[in-house]
Amino acid sequence: QVQLVETGGGLVQAGDSLRLSCAASGRTLRIFTMAWFRQAPGKEREFVAALSWIGTSTNYADSVKGRFTISRDNAKNTLYLQMNSLSPEDTDLYYCAASVQYYDTNYYSPSRYEYWGQGTQVTVSS
């Protein structure tokens, strides 16, 4: 089993920045792919960014490309999401996800991931 805990959410103003963290524990050696998703009430979970835990591949949703950066610290078993130039449209509950499958073209699909955190709320005021 893998446990994921997100931190770093909060209330900010449009144009501000936030950095989310996701600490992984348990059988972390099984992780090969990690990602961030977000979800608003009543909507489907939306892909934000993903990376290979052991390689260099990264991918982003078009809506965040150029503003968000996904990164990792393998020594700390921690995933990050640096979010710049935030807008009210970025207001959502943000989830960290991990998969024991190798990074491939299905990185954007929520069903691809076996482990999820509890989510951290990001609210951007105008």
C-alpha atoms as a PDB file:
ATOM      1  CA  GLN A   1       0.000   0.000   0.000  1.00  0.00           C
ATOM      2  CA  VAL A   2       0.970   3.589  -0.626  1.00  0.00           C
ATOM      3  CA  GLN A   3      -0.301   6.527   1.396  1.00  0.00           C
ATOM      4  CA  LEU A   4      -0.426  10.044  -0.034  1.00  0.00           C
ATOM      5  CA  VAL A   5      -0.906  13.264   1.939  1.00  0.00           C
ATOM      6  CA  GLU A   6      -1.308  16.623   0.208  1.00  0.00           C
ATOM      7  CA  THR A   7      -0.514  19.957   1.826  1.00  0.00           C
ATOM      8  CA  GLY A   8      -0.104  23.547   0.736  1.00  0.00           C
ATOM      9  CA  GLY A   9      -3.571  24.561  -0.368  1.00  0.00           C
ATOM     10  CA  GLY A  10      -5.158  27.806   0.727  1.00  0.00           C
ATOM     11  CA  LEU A  11      -6.916  31.025  -0.180  1.00  0.00           C
ATOM     12  CA  VAL A  12      -4.992  33.386  -2.448  1.00  0.00           C
ATOM     13  CA  GLN A  13      -5.707  36.271  -4.781  1.00  0.00           C
ATOM     14  CA  ALA A  14      -5.608  36.167  -8.564  1.00  0.00           C
ATOM     15  CA  GLY A  15      -2.037  36.386  -9.799  1.00  0.00           C
ATOM     16  CA  ASP A  16      -0.566  34.827  -6.666  1.00  0.00           C
ATOM     17  CA  SER A  17       1.407  31.600  -6.415  1.00  0.00           C
ATOM     18  CA  LEU A  18       1.085  28.452  -4.331  1.00  0.00           C
ATOM     19  CA  ARG A  19       3.129  25.288  -4.021  1.00  0.00           C
ATOM     20  CA  LEU A  20       1.374  22.032  -3.261  1.00  0.00           C
ATOM     21  CA  SER A  21       3.224  19.080  -1.765  1.00  0.00           C
ATOM     22  CA  CYS A  22       2.325  15.403  -1.711  1.00  0.00           C
ATOM     23  CA  ALA A  23       4.199  13.184   0.712  1.00  0.00           C
ATOM     24  CA  ALA A  24       4.214   9.485  -0.168  1.00  0.00           C
ATOM     25  CA  SER A  25       4.755   6.739   2.398  1.00  0.00           C
ATOM     26  CA  GLY A  26       4.466   2.975   2.575  1.00  0.00           C
ATOM     27  CA  ARG A  27       5.602   0.880  -0.375  1.00  0.00           C
ATOM     28  CA  THR A  28       6.951   3.837  -2.346  1.00  0.00           C
ATOM     29  CA  LEU A  29       9.398   1.703  -4.311  1.00  0.00           C
ATOM     30  CA  ARG A  30       6.378   0.481  -6.266  1.00  0.00           C
ATOM     31  CA  ILE A  31       5.587   3.967  -7.605  1.00  0.00           C
ATOM     32  CA  PHE A  32       6.405   4.670 -11.252  1.00  0.00           C
ATOM     33  CA  THR A  33       4.007   7.466 -12.159  1.00  0.00           C
ATOM     34  CA  MET A  34       2.602  10.363 -10.137  1.00  0.00           C
ATOM     35  CA  ALA A  35       0.169  13.103 -11.024  1.00  0.00           C
ATOM     36  CA  TRP A  36      -2.005  15.970  -9.870  1.00  0.00           C
ATOM     37  CA  PHE A  37      -5.710  16.146 -10.594  1.00  0.00           C
ATOM     38  CA  ARG A  38      -8.341  18.636  -9.551  1.00  0.00           C
ATOM     39  CA  GLN A  39     -12.072  18.491  -9.086  1.00  0.00           C
ATOM     40  CA  ALA A  40     -14.868  20.968  -8.509  1.00  0.00           C
ATOM     41  CA  PRO A  41     -18.157  19.965  -6.849  1.00  0.00           C
ATOM     42  CA  GLY A  42     -20.402  18.168  -9.301  1.00  0.00           C
ATOM     43  CA  LYS A  43     -17.714  17.899 -11.965  1.00  0.00           C
ATOM     44  CA  GLU A  44     -15.430  15.112 -13.114  1.00  0.00           C
ATOM     45  CA  ARG A  45     -11.887  14.873 -11.862  1.00  0.00           C
ATOM     46  CA  GLU A  46      -9.610  16.795 -14.240  1.00  0.00           C
ATOM     47  CA  PHE A  47      -6.009  16.033 -15.130  1.00  0.00           C
ATOM     48  CA  VAL A  48      -3.505  18.765 -14.232  1.00  0.00           C
ATOM     49  CA  ALA A  49       0.019  17.372 -14.554  1.00  0.00           C
ATOM     50  CA  ALA A  50       1.933  14.090 -14.404  1.00  0.00           C
ATOM     51  CA  LEU A  51       5.489  12.868 -14.267  1.00  0.00           C
ATOM     52  CA  SER A  52       7.537   9.728 -14.359  1.00  0.00           C
ATOM     53  CA  TRP A  53       8.821   8.936 -10.877  1.00  0.00           C
ATOM     54  CA  ILE A  54      12.004   7.354 -12.252  1.00  0.00           C
ATOM     55  CA  GLY A  55      12.487   9.186 -15.542  1.00  0.00           C
ATOM     56  CA  THR A  56      12.220  12.680 -16.983  1.00  0.00           C
ATOM     57  CA  SER A  57       8.815  12.654 -18.680  1.00  0.00           C
ATOM     58  CA  THR A  58       6.265  15.275 -17.716  1.00  0.00           C
ATOM     59  CA  ASN A  59       2.912  16.321 -19.172  1.00  0.00           C
ATOM     60  CA  TYR A  60       0.514  19.145 -18.460  1.00  0.00           C
ATOM     61  CA  ALA A  61      -3.074  20.039 -19.196  1.00  0.00           C
ATOM     62  CA  ASP A  62      -3.316  22.841 -21.739  1.00  0.00           C
ATOM     63  CA  SER A  63      -5.081  25.011 -19.169  1.00  0.00           C
ATOM     64  CA  VAL A  64      -2.053  25.078 -16.859  1.00  0.00           C
ATOM     65  CA  LYS A  65       0.844  24.788 -19.301  1.00  0.00           C
ATOM     66  CA  GLY A  66       3.346  27.585 -18.746  1.00  0.00           C
ATOM     67  CA  ARG A  67       1.904  28.439 -15.304  1.00  0.00           C
ATOM     68  CA  PHE A  68       2.232  25.191 -13.303  1.00  0.00           C
ATOM     69  CA  THR A  69       5.314  23.056 -12.805  1.00  0.00           C
ATOM     70  CA  ILE A  70       5.310  19.485 -11.507  1.00  0.00           C
ATOM     71  CA  SER A  71       8.448  18.189  -9.837  1.00  0.00           C
ATOM     72  CA  ARG A  72       9.621  15.552  -7.396  1.00  0.00           C
ATOM     73  CA  ASP A  73      12.153  14.868  -4.681  1.00  0.00           C
ATOM     74  CA  ASN A  74      12.769  11.132  -4.703  1.00  0.00           C
ATOM     75  CA  ALA A  75      14.894  11.268  -1.557  1.00  0.00           C
ATOM     76  CA  LYS A  76      11.939  12.771   0.336  1.00  0.00           C
ATOM     77  CA  ASN A  77       9.293  10.754  -1.548  1.00  0.00           C
ATOM     78  CA  THR A  78       7.529  14.023  -2.223  1.00  0.00           C
ATOM     79  CA  LEU A  79       5.725  15.360  -5.284  1.00  0.00           C
ATOM     80  CA  TYR A  80       5.259  19.081  -5.829  1.00  0.00           C
ATOM     81  CA  LEU A  81       3.060  21.356  -7.908  1.00  0.00           C
ATOM     82  CA  GLN A  82       4.253  24.931  -8.239  1.00  0.00           C
ATOM     83  CA  MET A  83       1.311  27.064  -9.335  1.00  0.00           C
ATOM     84  CA  ASN A  84       1.942  30.577 -10.629  1.00  0.00           C
ATOM     85  CA  SER A  85      -0.344  33.244 -12.062  1.00  0.00           C
ATOM     86  CA  LEU A  86      -3.342  31.670 -10.391  1.00  0.00           C
ATOM     87  CA  SER A  87      -6.823  32.632 -11.556  1.00  0.00           C
ATOM     88  CA  PRO A  88     -10.293  32.024 -10.076  1.00  0.00           C
ATOM     89  CA  GLU A  89     -10.708  29.261 -12.676  1.00  0.00           C
ATOM     90  CA  ASP A  90      -8.010  27.316 -10.812  1.00  0.00           C
ATOM     91  CA  THR A  91     -10.213  27.074  -7.711  1.00  0.00           C
ATOM     92  CA  ASP A  92     -10.668  23.367  -7.022  1.00  0.00           C
ATOM     93  CA  LEU A  93      -9.870  20.504  -4.705  1.00  0.00           C
ATOM     94  CA  TYR A  94      -6.440  19.254  -5.778  1.00  0.00           C
ATOM     95  CA  TYR A  95      -5.551  15.575  -5.517  1.00  0.00           C
ATOM     96  CA  CYS A  96      -2.248  13.750  -5.682  1.00  0.00           C
ATOM     97  CA  ALA A  97      -2.257  10.337  -7.365  1.00  0.00           C
ATOM     98  CA  ALA A  98       0.258   7.512  -7.719  1.00  0.00           C
ATOM     99  CA  SER A  99       0.463   4.491  -9.973  1.00  0.00           C
ATOM    100  CA  VAL A 100       2.516   1.306  -9.903  1.00  0.00           C
ATOM    101  CA  GLN A 101       2.403   1.244 -13.706  1.00  0.00           C
ATOM    102  CA  TYR A 102       5.123   2.701 -15.890  1.00  0.00           C
ATOM    103  CA  TYR A 103       4.593   6.164 -17.313  1.00  0.00           C
ATOM    104  CA  ASP A 104       2.739   5.887 -20.616  1.00  0.00           C
ATOM    105  CA  THR A 105       0.202   7.675 -22.810  1.00  0.00           C
ATOM    106  CA  ASN A 106      -2.619   7.127 -20.313  1.00  0.00           C
ATOM    107  CA  TYR A 107      -1.101   9.506 -17.753  1.00  0.00           C
ATOM    108  CA  TYR A 108      -4.168  11.812 -17.991  1.00  0.00           C
ATOM    109  CA  SER A 109      -6.777   9.205 -16.995  1.00  0.00           C
ATOM    110  CA  PRO A 110      -7.874   9.046 -13.330  1.00  0.00           C
ATOM    111  CA  SER A 111      -8.500   5.305 -13.714  1.00  0.00           C
ATOM    112  CA  ARG A 112      -4.799   4.888 -14.352  1.00  0.00           C
ATOM    113  CA  TYR A 113      -3.942   5.560 -10.707  1.00  0.00           C
ATOM    114  CA  GLU A 114      -4.313   3.131  -7.827  1.00  0.00           C
ATOM    115  CA  TYR A 115      -3.571   5.487  -4.934  1.00  0.00           C
ATOM    116  CA  TRP A 116      -5.048   8.876  -4.074  1.00  0.00           C
ATOM    117  CA  GLY A 117      -4.597  11.479  -1.392  1.00  0.00           C
ATOM    118  CA  GLN A 118      -7.436  13.148   0.462  1.00  0.00           C
ATOM    119  CA  GLY A 119      -7.120  16.416  -1.453  1.00  0.00           C
ATOM    120  CA  THR A 120      -6.158  19.971  -0.579  1.00  0.00           C
ATOM    121  CA  GLN A 121      -8.392  22.947  -1.359  1.00  0.00           C
ATOM    122  CA  VAL A 122      -7.124  25.802  -3.512  1.00  0.00           C
ATOM    123  CA  THR A 123      -9.308  28.895  -3.655  1.00  0.00           C
ATOM    124  CA  VAL A 124      -8.387  31.879  -5.813  1.00  0.00           C
ATOM    125  CA  SER A 125     -10.290  35.120  -5.316  1.00  0.00           C
ATOM    126  CA  SER A 126     -10.629  37.743  -8.026  1.00  0.00           C
END
